[in-house]
Amino acid sequence: GPKTFGQASGLPAGTSKMGLLADWLQKWMACVWPLCQGWSSATSNSSKAPVLKRNNDGIKKLPRFGTVYEGPYIILVNFLQECRERGCKALTAEQHERLLAAVEGLSKQGTQDVSINSEFFKDQDATKSKQALESWGVACGKDNKSKEKKPRSVTYLSESPRNADMPRTVSEMNAHYESVLSGISFNNIWFVDNIPVSIEVLMHGFTSLDQLLSRYSIRPGKLSKWIAAIAEQYNDVPFHNWGHAVGVFQFLYMALTTGGAQRFFNFMDILALLVAAVGHDVGHFGLNNIFLTKTGHSLSITYNDVSPLENMHSSTCFQTLSRDGINFLDAADNHTRTLIREKVIQAILSTDMAHHFEHVDRFSARVADKDPWETDTKHSRDKQQASKSDRRMLLQAFVQTADLGHNCRPWAVHKHMIVALEEEFFQQGDKEREFDMLPIMPMMDRHAGSAASAQGFFLGKMVKPLLGPFTKFVQKQLGDDLLNSIDENIANWAGLLAKHGEKMTAAQLVPKDEADDESDGSPMSSASLVIGKRTTS
């Protein structure tokens, strides 16, 4: 498994928890600091290779993906590793302050703040970066006062294209569902308002994975009823709807099968991944955690302002499971049910974007570590024990990546997802205006905001740092396709904004993009999800 701080520093195993580590480091630095002035982190020609690949600036860029987010976890692992290998050298005042900030970041309760002044964000506009991060609930400082702009009106339309030539026999249906679940071009709109067909598709996913249901004596009928009950509790919101849940399920299934990633998990992990995908946003009403906290919503009160949405989603999953006739885990023993529940809850809670960079920090550090990841753990108890912490981290990383998976689908699909997400943002902004919550949160103001203008930052600085390490666990072809798609999406948004104006919304830009394709002789995409129009009054 990955080395803990205790292992990296030679501490006893009992001191590896974050709180004890932070306390130990603070005391250690207080003792060492008077003796250490002017430490240099320059690398030396040591014959022993460090656990984390380094260059003179810190973590070395990982192969196949550009940059690494260097958070407090990586900073401290690097420092401890260098001390173990080369001995403690004197610290400059700047290095001392950086290490202290990392210690405080790890020991802080709740969400860690992200500094937009860090090296990782230096190539981005600070104001736009701050707005994008705060729109996703990532703490990075106080809100800036938004400037008043001319109001604009909006009309929101949706289309639901359907395939008229659906296969009819069971074998044809299974082949069709496998094709749908295995491709990168999956489009959420296919299942937004067609729950019966979506249940068949998801059940195909559950039943086609070897021994998954039989191992836990899961009756397909009960599982199907649970999926239906969960689907009915998804709300009719532009983005976080039932179609999004099916899309997250499909992304995970694709990674496990087409991508071959199931070799890193055991049976229970895979079951937990797919169950979490189904219910990870159940009951979402199109408002983010910041809004719930600021308005004193009952969910925020219930969960003490800690990931209220994600806590509600996981709670709803298991409240629904307790209903008569749909508890598909009723034949499993108590220990098994407890472990599955624990893994599902951890997976769902990890989708809170407020903790995104904390997860990326740890995941990137573990991927950079030279210690190999255990594979083929399904039938080996020893391997399962040895890989327990790794598999938990990987389970969370896979659900997080799948939750953001639409960003690395082909442009013809991705662009419509952003239009839908933008409209959901705007609807929250409308409520903020209604409740006199001024200034309206960044990107939420339909009279001034635009999700399109934030995509360069969001895709490049938030999604890619997670997607890069993720691709290490899938077949190279799929990993390359995902990375190529996100790069193309970044380029396409930049091109549209440059051509039509930086203040244009996604809803305004997408029809222009399709009109350009049509004029060039390219076929119009059949993946249309939302067509939005906004006019300036």
Protein backbone atom coordinates (compact mmCIF):
# COMPACT_ATOMS: atom_id res chain seq x y z
CA GLY A 1 0.00 0.00 0.00
CA PRO A 2 1.00 3.68 -0.10
CA LYS A 3 3.51 4.86 2.48
CA THR A 4 2.00 6.82 5.34
CA PHE A 5 3.66 9.85 6.88
CA GLY A 6 4.68 7.64 9.78
CA GLN A 7 6.41 5.18 7.47
CA ALA A 8 8.13 7.95 5.48
CA SER A 9 9.53 9.54 8.64
CA GLY A 10 10.27 6.43 10.68
CA LEU A 11 7.51 7.16 13.19
CA PRO A 12 5.58 4.35 14.90
CA ALA A 13 2.44 3.27 13.04
CA GLY A 14 0.19 4.84 15.67
CA THR A 15 1.40 8.33 14.85
CA SER A 16 0.43 8.30 11.18
CA LYS A 17 -2.96 10.01 11.57
CA MET A 18 -3.19 13.55 10.27
CA GLY A 19 -3.84 15.25 13.60
CA LEU A 20 -0.94 13.54 15.35
CA LEU A 21 1.28 14.14 12.35
CA ALA A 22 0.51 17.85 12.30
CA ASP A 23 1.22 18.09 16.03
CA TRP A 24 4.47 16.15 15.65
CA LEU A 25 5.66 18.27 12.72
CA GLN A 26 4.89 21.51 14.51
CA LYS A 27 6.89 20.38 17.57
CA TRP A 28 9.70 19.01 15.39
CA MET A 29 10.00 22.22 13.38
CA ALA A 30 9.92 24.31 16.55
CA CYS A 31 12.96 22.37 17.78
CA VAL A 32 14.83 22.28 14.50
CA TRP A 33 14.09 25.78 13.22
CA PRO A 34 16.53 27.65 15.52
CA LEU A 35 19.29 25.38 14.22
CA CYS A 36 18.23 25.43 10.58
CA GLN A 37 18.67 28.66 8.65
CA GLY A 38 19.23 28.60 4.89
CA TRP A 39 18.17 25.08 3.93
CA SER A 40 18.45 24.28 0.24
CA SER A 41 16.31 21.61 -1.42
CA ALA A 42 18.73 21.11 -4.30
CA THR A 43 18.87 17.49 -5.37
CA SER A 44 22.04 15.45 -4.99
CA ASN A 45 23.45 12.46 -6.82
CA SER A 46 22.09 9.91 -4.39
CA SER A 47 22.23 6.29 -5.50
CA LYS A 48 18.93 5.59 -3.73
CA ALA A 49 15.96 6.72 -5.80
CA PRO A 50 13.37 8.74 -3.82
CA VAL A 51 9.88 7.39 -3.35
CA LEU A 52 8.43 10.37 -5.19
CA LYS A 53 10.02 11.37 -8.48
CA ARG A 54 11.41 14.89 -8.07
CA ASN A 55 13.08 17.73 -9.85
CA ASN A 56 14.54 20.89 -8.41
CA ASP A 57 11.09 22.45 -8.08
CA GLY A 58 9.40 19.61 -6.19
CA ILE A 59 7.25 16.83 -7.63
CA LYS A 60 8.26 15.85 -11.12
CA LYS A 61 5.59 16.05 -13.78
CA LEU A 62 3.97 12.66 -14.03
CA PRO A 63 4.26 10.84 -17.36
CA ARG A 64 1.41 11.30 -19.85
CA PHE A 65 -0.28 14.16 -18.03
CA GLY A 66 1.03 17.67 -17.85
CA THR A 67 0.97 19.17 -14.36
CA VAL A 68 0.51 17.98 -10.82
CA TYR A 69 -1.40 19.90 -8.18
CA GLU A 70 1.06 20.21 -5.30
CA GLY A 71 -0.98 20.43 -2.10
CA PRO A 72 0.04 20.12 1.56
CA TYR A 73 0.16 16.31 1.41
CA ILE A 74 2.70 16.21 -1.43
CA ILE A 75 4.71 19.09 0.05
CA LEU A 76 5.12 17.31 3.37
CA VAL A 77 5.75 13.87 1.86
CA ASN A 78 8.53 15.40 -0.25
CA PHE A 79 10.04 17.13 2.77
CA LEU A 80 9.97 14.04 4.98
CA GLN A 81 11.36 11.84 2.23
CA GLU A 82 14.23 14.24 1.58
CA CYS A 83 15.01 14.43 5.29
CA ARG A 84 15.10 10.65 5.53
CA GLU A 85 17.38 10.27 2.51
CA ARG A 86 19.70 13.26 2.84
CA GLY A 87 19.33 14.42 6.40
CA CYS A 88 17.85 17.65 7.64
CA LYS A 89 19.29 20.74 6.04
CA ALA A 90 18.79 24.31 7.11
CA LEU A 91 15.56 26.00 6.04
CA THR A 92 15.13 29.43 4.56
CA ALA A 93 12.39 31.59 6.07
CA GLU A 94 10.30 31.11 2.93
CA GLN A 95 10.61 27.32 3.07
CA HIS A 96 9.78 27.30 6.77
CA GLU A 97 6.60 29.30 6.15
CA ARG A 98 5.61 26.99 3.28
CA LEU A 99 5.97 23.90 5.45
CA LEU A 100 4.07 25.48 8.32
CA ALA A 101 1.24 26.37 5.93
CA ALA A 102 1.17 22.76 4.73
CA VAL A 103 0.98 21.48 8.31
CA GLU A 104 -1.85 23.87 9.10
CA GLY A 105 -3.62 22.83 5.90
CA LEU A 106 -3.59 19.17 6.89
CA SER A 107 -4.56 19.75 10.50
CA LYS A 108 -7.40 22.15 9.62
CA GLN A 109 -10.89 20.83 10.23
CA GLY A 110 -13.25 20.82 7.25
CA THR A 111 -12.40 22.04 3.75
CA GLN A 112 -8.87 23.11 2.95
CA ASP A 113 -8.40 26.51 1.34
CA VAL A 114 -6.78 26.53 -2.10
CA SER A 115 -4.39 29.36 -2.88
CA ILE A 116 -4.88 30.83 -6.34
CA ASN A 117 -1.44 32.39 -5.97
CA SER A 118 0.25 29.00 -5.98
CA GLU A 119 2.59 27.91 -8.77
CA PHE A 120 -0.07 25.56 -10.14
CA PHE A 121 -2.42 28.44 -11.04
CA LYS A 122 0.19 30.99 -12.13
CA ASP A 123 -0.78 30.75 -15.81
CA GLN A 124 -4.43 31.62 -15.07
CA ASP A 125 -6.22 34.90 -14.48
CA ALA A 126 -6.55 35.20 -10.69
CA THR A 127 -10.05 36.69 -10.69
CA LYS A 128 -11.48 34.15 -13.12
CA SER A 129 -9.75 31.33 -11.25
CA LYS A 130 -11.25 32.46 -7.97
CA GLN A 131 -14.73 32.72 -9.49
CA ALA A 132 -14.51 29.28 -11.07
CA LEU A 133 -13.28 27.63 -7.87
CA GLU A 134 -15.91 29.27 -5.69
CA SER A 135 -18.67 28.27 -8.09
CA TRP A 136 -17.71 24.67 -7.33
CA GLY A 137 -17.55 25.24 -3.59
CA VAL A 138 -13.74 25.27 -3.35
CA ALA A 139 -12.67 27.70 -0.63
CA CYS A 140 -10.10 30.25 -1.83
CA GLY A 141 -10.85 33.53 -0.06
CA LYS A 142 -13.58 36.10 0.20
CA ASP A 143 -16.05 36.86 -2.57
CA ASN A 144 -15.34 39.75 -4.88
CA LYS A 145 -18.08 42.26 -5.38
CA SER A 146 -19.70 41.60 -8.70
CA LYS A 147 -20.26 44.47 -11.09
CA GLU A 148 -23.77 45.34 -12.20
CA LYS A 149 -24.49 44.55 -15.82
CA LYS A 150 -27.44 44.96 -18.11
CA PRO A 151 -30.11 42.32 -17.51
CA ARG A 152 -30.72 39.79 -20.26
CA SER A 153 -33.65 37.52 -20.85
CA VAL A 154 -33.45 33.74 -21.37
CA THR A 155 -35.52 30.99 -22.88
CA TYR A 156 -34.60 27.39 -22.17
CA LEU A 157 -35.58 24.57 -24.49
CA SER A 158 -34.76 20.89 -24.44
CA GLU A 159 -34.84 18.12 -26.96
CA SER A 160 -34.96 14.38 -26.34
CA PRO A 161 -33.88 12.53 -29.48
CA ARG A 162 -34.83 8.87 -29.53
CA ASN A 163 -33.54 5.91 -31.48
CA ALA A 164 -36.45 4.59 -33.53
CA ASP A 165 -34.57 1.45 -34.54
CA MET A 166 -34.17 -0.20 -31.15
CA PRO A 167 -33.25 -3.93 -31.23
CA ARG A 168 -36.05 -6.34 -30.33
CA THR A 169 -34.65 -9.76 -29.29
CA VAL A 170 -32.97 -10.37 -25.91
CA SER A 171 -29.60 -11.06 -27.50
CA GLU A 172 -29.90 -7.97 -29.65
CA MET A 173 -30.86 -5.87 -26.63
CA ASN A 174 -27.91 -7.19 -24.61
CA ALA A 175 -25.51 -6.46 -27.46
CA HIS A 176 -27.03 -3.00 -27.84
CA TYR A 177 -26.77 -2.25 -24.10
CA GLU A 178 -23.17 -3.47 -24.01
CA SER A 179 -22.36 -1.16 -26.90
CA VAL A 180 -24.05 1.77 -25.15
CA LEU A 181 -22.23 1.12 -21.85
CA SER A 182 -18.81 0.61 -23.40
CA GLY A 183 -18.35 3.74 -25.50
CA ILE A 184 -16.85 7.13 -24.68
CA SER A 185 -19.57 8.95 -26.66
CA PHE A 186 -22.36 8.06 -24.23
CA ASN A 187 -24.99 10.82 -24.00
CA ASN A 188 -27.03 11.36 -20.82
CA ILE A 189 -30.08 12.59 -22.75
CA TRP A 190 -30.82 9.07 -23.94
CA PHE A 191 -32.09 8.19 -20.46
CA VAL A 192 -33.12 11.43 -18.71
CA ASP A 193 -36.86 10.71 -18.94
CA ASN A 194 -36.86 7.01 -19.87
CA ILE A 195 -36.46 5.22 -16.56
CA PRO A 196 -37.64 1.75 -17.71
CA VAL A 197 -35.05 1.51 -20.48
CA SER A 198 -32.32 2.97 -18.26
CA ILE A 199 -33.02 0.32 -15.62
CA GLU A 200 -32.57 -2.40 -18.24
CA VAL A 201 -29.25 -0.85 -19.27
CA LEU A 202 -28.00 -0.57 -15.68
CA MET A 203 -29.13 -4.09 -14.85
CA HIS A 204 -27.18 -5.31 -17.88
CA GLY A 205 -24.15 -3.61 -16.36
CA PHE A 206 -24.64 -5.25 -12.97
CA THR A 207 -25.35 -8.73 -14.34
CA SER A 208 -22.66 -8.82 -17.03
CA LEU A 209 -19.82 -8.38 -14.53
CA ASP A 210 -18.67 -11.87 -13.54
CA GLN A 211 -20.11 -13.20 -10.25
CA LEU A 212 -21.01 -9.73 -8.97
CA LEU A 213 -24.60 -10.52 -8.00
CA SER A 214 -24.27 -14.23 -7.21
CA ARG A 215 -21.36 -13.62 -4.85
CA TYR A 216 -23.61 -11.57 -2.55
CA SER A 217 -26.84 -13.50 -3.26
CA ILE A 218 -28.39 -10.40 -4.81
CA ARG A 219 -31.76 -11.01 -6.43
CA PRO A 220 -31.97 -9.09 -9.72
CA GLY A 221 -35.63 -8.25 -9.10
CA LYS A 222 -34.88 -6.46 -5.84
CA LEU A 223 -31.90 -4.63 -7.31
CA SER A 224 -34.06 -3.50 -10.23
CA LYS A 225 -36.74 -2.21 -7.86
CA TRP A 226 -34.16 -0.31 -5.84
CA ILE A 227 -32.78 1.34 -8.98
CA ALA A 228 -36.32 2.32 -10.00
CA ALA A 229 -37.03 3.77 -6.54
CA ILE A 230 -33.80 5.79 -6.65
CA ALA A 231 -34.49 7.00 -10.18
CA GLU A 232 -37.92 8.29 -9.13
CA GLN A 233 -36.29 10.43 -6.45
CA TYR A 234 -34.05 12.32 -8.88
CA ASN A 235 -35.50 15.76 -9.54
CA ASP A 236 -36.24 17.42 -12.87
CA VAL A 237 -33.26 19.79 -12.86
CA PRO A 238 -31.14 20.71 -15.89
CA PHE A 239 -27.95 18.82 -14.99
CA HIS A 240 -28.00 16.79 -11.76
CA ASN A 241 -30.85 14.60 -12.95
CA TRP A 242 -31.32 10.87 -13.52
CA GLY A 243 -29.52 11.03 -16.86
CA HIS A 244 -26.40 12.29 -15.08
CA ALA A 245 -26.52 9.31 -12.70
CA VAL A 246 -26.77 6.90 -15.64
CA GLY A 247 -23.85 8.71 -17.28
CA VAL A 248 -21.67 8.28 -14.18
CA PHE A 249 -22.60 4.58 -14.03
CA GLN A 250 -21.70 4.17 -17.70
CA PHE A 251 -18.34 5.92 -17.27
CA LEU A 252 -17.42 3.57 -14.43
CA TYR A 253 -18.58 0.50 -16.33
CA MET A 254 -16.54 1.61 -19.34
CA ALA A 255 -13.45 2.11 -17.17
CA LEU A 256 -13.87 -1.27 -15.50
CA THR A 257 -14.53 -3.26 -18.68
CA THR A 258 -13.27 -1.47 -21.79
CA GLY A 259 -10.52 0.09 -19.71
CA GLY A 260 -9.69 -3.11 -17.84
CA ALA A 261 -9.59 -1.34 -14.47
CA GLN A 262 -11.52 -4.04 -12.63
CA ARG A 263 -8.23 -5.84 -12.06
CA PHE A 264 -7.42 -3.23 -9.36
CA PHE A 265 -10.62 -3.89 -7.37
CA ASN A 266 -12.23 -6.79 -5.58
CA PHE A 267 -15.89 -7.81 -6.02
CA MET A 268 -17.16 -5.62 -3.19
CA ASP A 269 -15.35 -2.55 -4.52
CA ILE A 270 -17.00 -2.97 -7.92
CA LEU A 271 -20.44 -3.42 -6.40
CA ALA A 272 -19.91 -0.33 -4.22
CA LEU A 273 -18.73 1.70 -7.23
CA LEU A 274 -21.83 0.91 -9.28
CA VAL A 275 -24.27 1.35 -6.40
CA ALA A 276 -22.67 4.69 -5.53
CA ALA A 277 -22.95 5.80 -9.16
CA VAL A 278 -26.68 5.12 -9.21
CA GLY A 279 -27.39 7.10 -6.06
CA HIS A 280 -24.59 9.66 -5.86
CA ASP A 281 -26.83 12.66 -6.67
CA VAL A 282 -30.29 11.33 -5.74
CA GLY A 283 -32.57 14.09 -4.53
CA HIS A 284 -30.31 16.88 -5.85
CA PHE A 285 -32.40 19.99 -6.39
CA GLY A 286 -29.98 22.02 -8.47
CA LEU A 287 -28.50 24.09 -5.65
CA ASN A 288 -24.97 23.75 -4.30
CA ASN A 289 -23.72 23.32 -0.74
CA ILE A 290 -22.70 26.95 -0.41
CA PHE A 291 -26.26 28.06 -1.14
CA LEU A 292 -27.66 25.58 1.40
CA THR A 293 -25.25 26.77 4.07
CA LYS A 294 -25.82 30.48 3.46
CA THR A 295 -29.60 30.09 3.56
CA GLY A 296 -29.60 27.85 6.63
CA HIS A 297 -31.32 25.07 4.70
CA SER A 298 -32.56 22.13 6.78
CA LEU A 299 -29.99 19.82 5.14
CA SER A 300 -27.19 22.14 6.16
CA ILE A 301 -28.53 22.23 9.71
CA THR A 302 -28.92 18.44 9.80
CA TYR A 303 -25.38 17.77 8.60
CA ASN A 304 -23.68 20.70 10.39
CA ASP A 305 -22.68 22.41 7.11
CA VAL A 306 -20.47 19.39 6.22
CA SER A 307 -21.20 18.20 2.67
CA PRO A 308 -24.98 18.48 3.20
CA LEU A 309 -25.89 17.35 -0.33
CA GLU A 310 -23.54 14.39 -0.40
CA ASN A 311 -24.62 13.28 3.07
CA MET A 312 -28.24 13.51 1.94
CA HIS A 313 -27.53 11.49 -1.22
CA SER A 314 -25.89 8.65 0.68
CA SER A 315 -28.55 8.69 3.37
CA THR A 316 -31.31 8.52 0.76
CA CYS A 317 -29.60 5.52 -0.88
CA PHE A 318 -29.79 3.48 2.28
CA GLN A 319 -33.15 4.77 3.46
CA THR A 320 -34.52 3.58 0.13
CA LEU A 321 -32.72 0.26 0.52
CA SER A 322 -34.53 -0.31 3.83
CA ARG A 323 -37.95 -0.32 2.14
CA ASP A 324 -39.86 -3.57 2.02
CA GLY A 325 -39.16 -5.76 -1.00
CA ILE A 326 -36.18 -3.86 -2.43
CA ASN A 327 -33.32 -4.56 -0.03
CA PHE A 328 -31.04 -6.38 -2.45
CA LEU A 329 -28.45 -6.91 0.32
CA ASP A 330 -30.81 -8.72 2.69
CA ALA A 331 -29.15 -12.10 2.04
CA ALA A 332 -25.66 -10.83 2.86
CA ASP A 333 -24.23 -11.16 6.38
CA ASN A 334 -23.97 -8.14 8.67
CA HIS A 335 -20.24 -7.70 8.15
CA THR A 336 -20.61 -7.66 4.37
CA ARG A 337 -23.51 -5.18 4.49
CA THR A 338 -21.52 -2.92 6.81
CA LEU A 339 -18.47 -2.91 4.52
CA ILE A 340 -20.51 -2.25 1.37
CA ARG A 341 -22.38 0.57 3.10
CA GLU A 342 -19.09 2.10 4.28
CA LYS A 343 -17.58 2.00 0.80
CA VAL A 344 -20.68 3.45 -0.89
CA ILE A 345 -20.86 6.31 1.62
CA GLN A 346 -17.15 7.09 1.21
CA ALA A 347 -17.51 7.10 -2.55
CA ILE A 348 -20.51 9.46 -2.52
CA LEU A 349 -18.99 11.84 0.04
CA SER A 350 -15.86 12.08 -2.10
CA THR A 351 -17.86 13.81 -4.85
CA ASP A 352 -18.08 17.05 -2.83
CA MET A 353 -16.05 19.41 -5.00
CA ALA A 354 -15.04 21.40 -1.92
CA HIS A 355 -12.54 18.61 -1.19
CA HIS A 356 -11.44 18.12 -4.80
CA PHE A 357 -7.88 19.34 -4.45
CA GLU A 358 -7.32 17.39 -1.23
CA HIS A 359 -8.20 14.18 -3.09
CA VAL A 360 -6.11 15.13 -6.12
CA ASP A 361 -3.16 15.94 -3.87
CA ARG A 362 -3.14 12.52 -2.20
CA PHE A 363 -4.03 10.56 -5.33
CA SER A 364 -1.28 12.20 -7.39
CA ALA A 365 1.25 11.54 -4.64
CA ARG A 366 0.32 7.87 -4.49
CA VAL A 367 0.44 7.46 -8.28
CA ALA A 368 3.89 9.07 -8.35
CA ASP A 369 5.06 6.62 -5.69
CA LYS A 370 7.17 3.79 -7.14
CA ASP A 371 5.43 1.12 -5.04
CA PRO A 372 3.23 -0.95 -7.37
CA TRP A 373 -0.53 -1.19 -7.03
CA GLU A 374 -1.88 -4.64 -6.27
CA THR A 375 -3.91 -6.28 -9.06
CA ASP A 376 -6.12 -9.35 -9.26
CA THR A 377 -7.20 -9.05 -5.63
CA LYS A 378 -10.62 -10.70 -6.09
CA HIS A 379 -9.50 -14.18 -5.09
CA SER A 380 -6.56 -13.41 -2.80
CA ARG A 381 -7.18 -12.50 0.83
CA ASP A 382 -3.54 -11.48 1.32
CA LYS A 383 -3.65 -9.13 -1.68
CA GLN A 384 -6.91 -7.64 -0.46
CA GLN A 385 -5.42 -6.85 2.93
CA ALA A 386 -2.23 -5.44 1.40
CA SER A 387 -4.16 -3.22 -1.00
CA LYS A 388 -6.97 -2.08 1.30
CA SER A 389 -5.98 1.59 1.63
CA ASP A 390 -5.03 1.81 -2.04
CA ARG A 391 -8.37 0.39 -3.15
CA ARG A 392 -10.28 2.81 -0.95
CA MET A 393 -8.39 5.72 -2.47
CA LEU A 394 -8.90 4.35 -5.96
CA LEU A 395 -12.61 3.76 -5.38
CA GLN A 396 -13.05 7.42 -4.46
CA ALA A 397 -10.89 8.62 -7.36
CA PHE A 398 -12.91 6.58 -9.85
CA VAL A 399 -16.25 7.95 -8.64
CA GLN A 400 -14.87 11.51 -8.65
CA THR A 401 -13.55 11.11 -12.20
CA ALA A 402 -16.81 9.54 -13.40
CA ASP A 403 -18.77 12.40 -11.83
CA LEU A 404 -16.72 14.76 -14.01
CA GLY A 405 -16.66 12.32 -16.92
CA HIS A 406 -18.74 14.43 -19.28
CA ASN A 407 -15.78 16.82 -19.53
CA CYS A 408 -13.68 14.19 -21.31
CA ARG A 409 -16.36 12.92 -23.67
CA PRO A 410 -16.32 14.03 -27.32
CA TRP A 411 -17.17 17.65 -28.02
CA ALA A 412 -20.54 16.77 -29.60
CA VAL A 413 -21.68 15.44 -26.20
CA HIS A 414 -19.71 17.59 -23.78
CA LYS A 415 -20.83 20.98 -25.08
CA HIS A 416 -24.50 20.22 -24.37
CA MET A 417 -23.67 19.09 -20.84
CA ILE A 418 -22.14 22.50 -20.17
CA VAL A 419 -25.25 24.26 -21.47
CA ALA A 420 -27.33 22.19 -19.06
CA LEU A 421 -24.96 22.86 -16.16
CA GLU A 422 -24.92 26.56 -16.97
CA GLU A 423 -28.71 26.73 -16.86
CA GLU A 424 -28.69 24.99 -13.47
CA PHE A 425 -26.19 27.60 -12.26
CA PHE A 426 -28.41 30.37 -13.55
CA GLN A 427 -31.45 28.94 -11.82
CA GLN A 428 -29.56 29.03 -8.53
CA GLY A 429 -28.55 32.62 -9.30
CA ASP A 430 -32.23 33.45 -9.80
CA LYS A 431 -32.94 32.14 -6.30
CA GLU A 432 -30.02 34.10 -4.87
CA ARG A 433 -31.48 37.24 -6.42
CA GLU A 434 -34.92 36.33 -5.09
CA PHE A 435 -33.49 35.91 -1.56
CA ASP A 436 -31.47 39.14 -1.91
CA MET A 437 -28.21 37.17 -1.56
CA LEU A 438 -26.02 39.79 -3.22
CA PRO A 439 -23.56 39.63 -4.76
CA ILE A 440 -24.72 36.58 -6.71
CA MET A 441 -22.16 33.78 -6.73
CA PRO A 442 -19.70 33.72 -9.64
CA MET A 443 -21.09 32.16 -12.86
CA MET A 444 -24.57 31.94 -11.30
CA ASP A 445 -25.80 35.30 -12.61
CA ARG A 446 -27.66 34.81 -15.88
CA HIS A 447 -27.28 38.53 -16.59
CA ALA A 448 -23.49 38.48 -16.34
CA GLY A 449 -22.15 34.94 -15.96
CA SER A 450 -21.02 32.30 -18.42
CA ALA A 451 -19.98 28.70 -17.83
CA ALA A 452 -18.24 28.75 -21.21
CA SER A 453 -15.72 31.36 -20.10
CA ALA A 454 -14.68 29.20 -17.14
CA GLN A 455 -14.16 25.96 -19.06
CA GLY A 456 -10.51 26.58 -19.89
CA PHE A 457 -9.72 26.92 -16.21
CA PHE A 458 -12.07 24.22 -14.96
CA LEU A 459 -11.05 21.56 -17.48
CA GLY A 460 -7.35 22.39 -17.34
CA LYS A 461 -6.85 23.06 -13.64
CA MET A 462 -9.51 20.94 -11.94
CA VAL A 463 -10.42 18.01 -14.18
CA LYS A 464 -7.09 17.20 -15.87
CA PRO A 465 -5.06 16.93 -12.64
CA LEU A 466 -7.48 14.15 -11.60
CA LEU A 467 -7.92 12.62 -15.04
CA GLY A 468 -4.16 12.28 -15.58
CA PRO A 469 -3.50 9.90 -12.66
CA PHE A 470 -6.82 8.14 -13.37
CA THR A 471 -5.66 7.15 -16.87
CA LYS A 472 -2.85 5.11 -15.30
CA PHE A 473 -5.47 2.53 -14.32
CA VAL A 474 -7.20 2.04 -17.68
CA GLN A 475 -5.99 0.70 -21.01
CA LYS A 476 -3.78 3.17 -22.84
CA GLN A 477 -6.20 3.60 -25.75
CA LEU A 478 -9.06 4.65 -23.49
CA GLY A 479 -6.79 6.88 -21.45
CA ASP A 480 -5.51 8.59 -24.57
CA ASP A 481 -9.05 9.04 -25.89
CA LEU A 482 -10.15 10.69 -22.64
CA LEU A 483 -7.13 13.01 -22.54
CA ASN A 484 -7.49 13.89 -26.21
CA SER A 485 -11.19 14.66 -25.75
CA ILE A 486 -10.63 17.03 -22.84
CA ASP A 487 -7.85 18.82 -24.73
CA GLU A 488 -10.15 19.20 -27.74
CA ASN A 489 -12.92 20.53 -25.51
CA ILE A 490 -10.58 23.11 -23.99
CA ALA A 491 -9.50 24.21 -27.46
CA ASN A 492 -13.08 24.34 -28.79
CA TRP A 493 -14.34 26.54 -25.95
CA ALA A 494 -11.36 28.85 -26.39
CA GLY A 495 -11.97 29.04 -30.13
CA LEU A 496 -15.67 29.82 -29.75
CA LEU A 497 -15.03 32.53 -27.16
CA ALA A 498 -12.30 34.08 -29.30
CA LYS A 499 -14.54 34.06 -32.36
CA HIS A 500 -17.84 35.17 -30.83
CA GLY A 501 -16.90 37.06 -27.67
CA GLU A 502 -15.67 36.32 -24.15
CA LYS A 503 -19.01 37.27 -22.57
CA MET A 504 -21.08 34.81 -24.57
CA THR A 505 -22.77 32.03 -22.63
CA ALA A 506 -22.52 28.35 -23.46
CA ALA A 507 -26.20 28.47 -24.46
CA GLN A 508 -25.38 31.17 -27.00
CA LEU A 509 -22.17 29.59 -28.27
CA VAL A 510 -23.32 26.03 -28.89
CA PRO A 511 -25.93 26.90 -31.56
CA LYS A 512 -23.29 29.06 -33.27
CA ASP A 513 -20.88 26.13 -33.19
CA GLU A 514 -23.45 23.84 -34.77
CA ALA A 515 -24.32 26.48 -37.36
CA ASP A 516 -20.63 26.71 -38.22
CA ASP A 517 -20.49 22.91 -38.58
CA GLU A 518 -23.52 22.94 -40.83
CA SER A 519 -22.08 25.67 -43.04
CA ASP A 520 -18.85 23.66 -43.30
CA GLY A 521 -20.81 20.64 -44.48
CA SER A 522 -20.42 18.71 -41.22
CA PRO A 523 -23.46 16.74 -40.03
CA MET A 524 -25.32 18.17 -37.06
CA SER A 525 -24.74 16.21 -33.88
CA SER A 526 -27.48 13.81 -32.88
CA ALA A 527 -26.28 14.17 -29.30
CA SER A 528 -28.20 17.41 -28.68
CA LEU A 529 -29.28 17.77 -25.09
CA VAL A 530 -30.15 21.39 -24.55
CA ILE A 531 -30.45 24.33 -26.89
CA GLY A 532 -30.49 27.61 -25.00
CA LYS A 533 -30.87 31.15 -26.32
CA ARG A 534 -30.16 34.33 -24.44
CA THR A 535 -30.66 37.80 -25.84
CA THR A 536 -29.48 41.11 -24.56
CA SER A 537 -32.30 43.47 -23.64
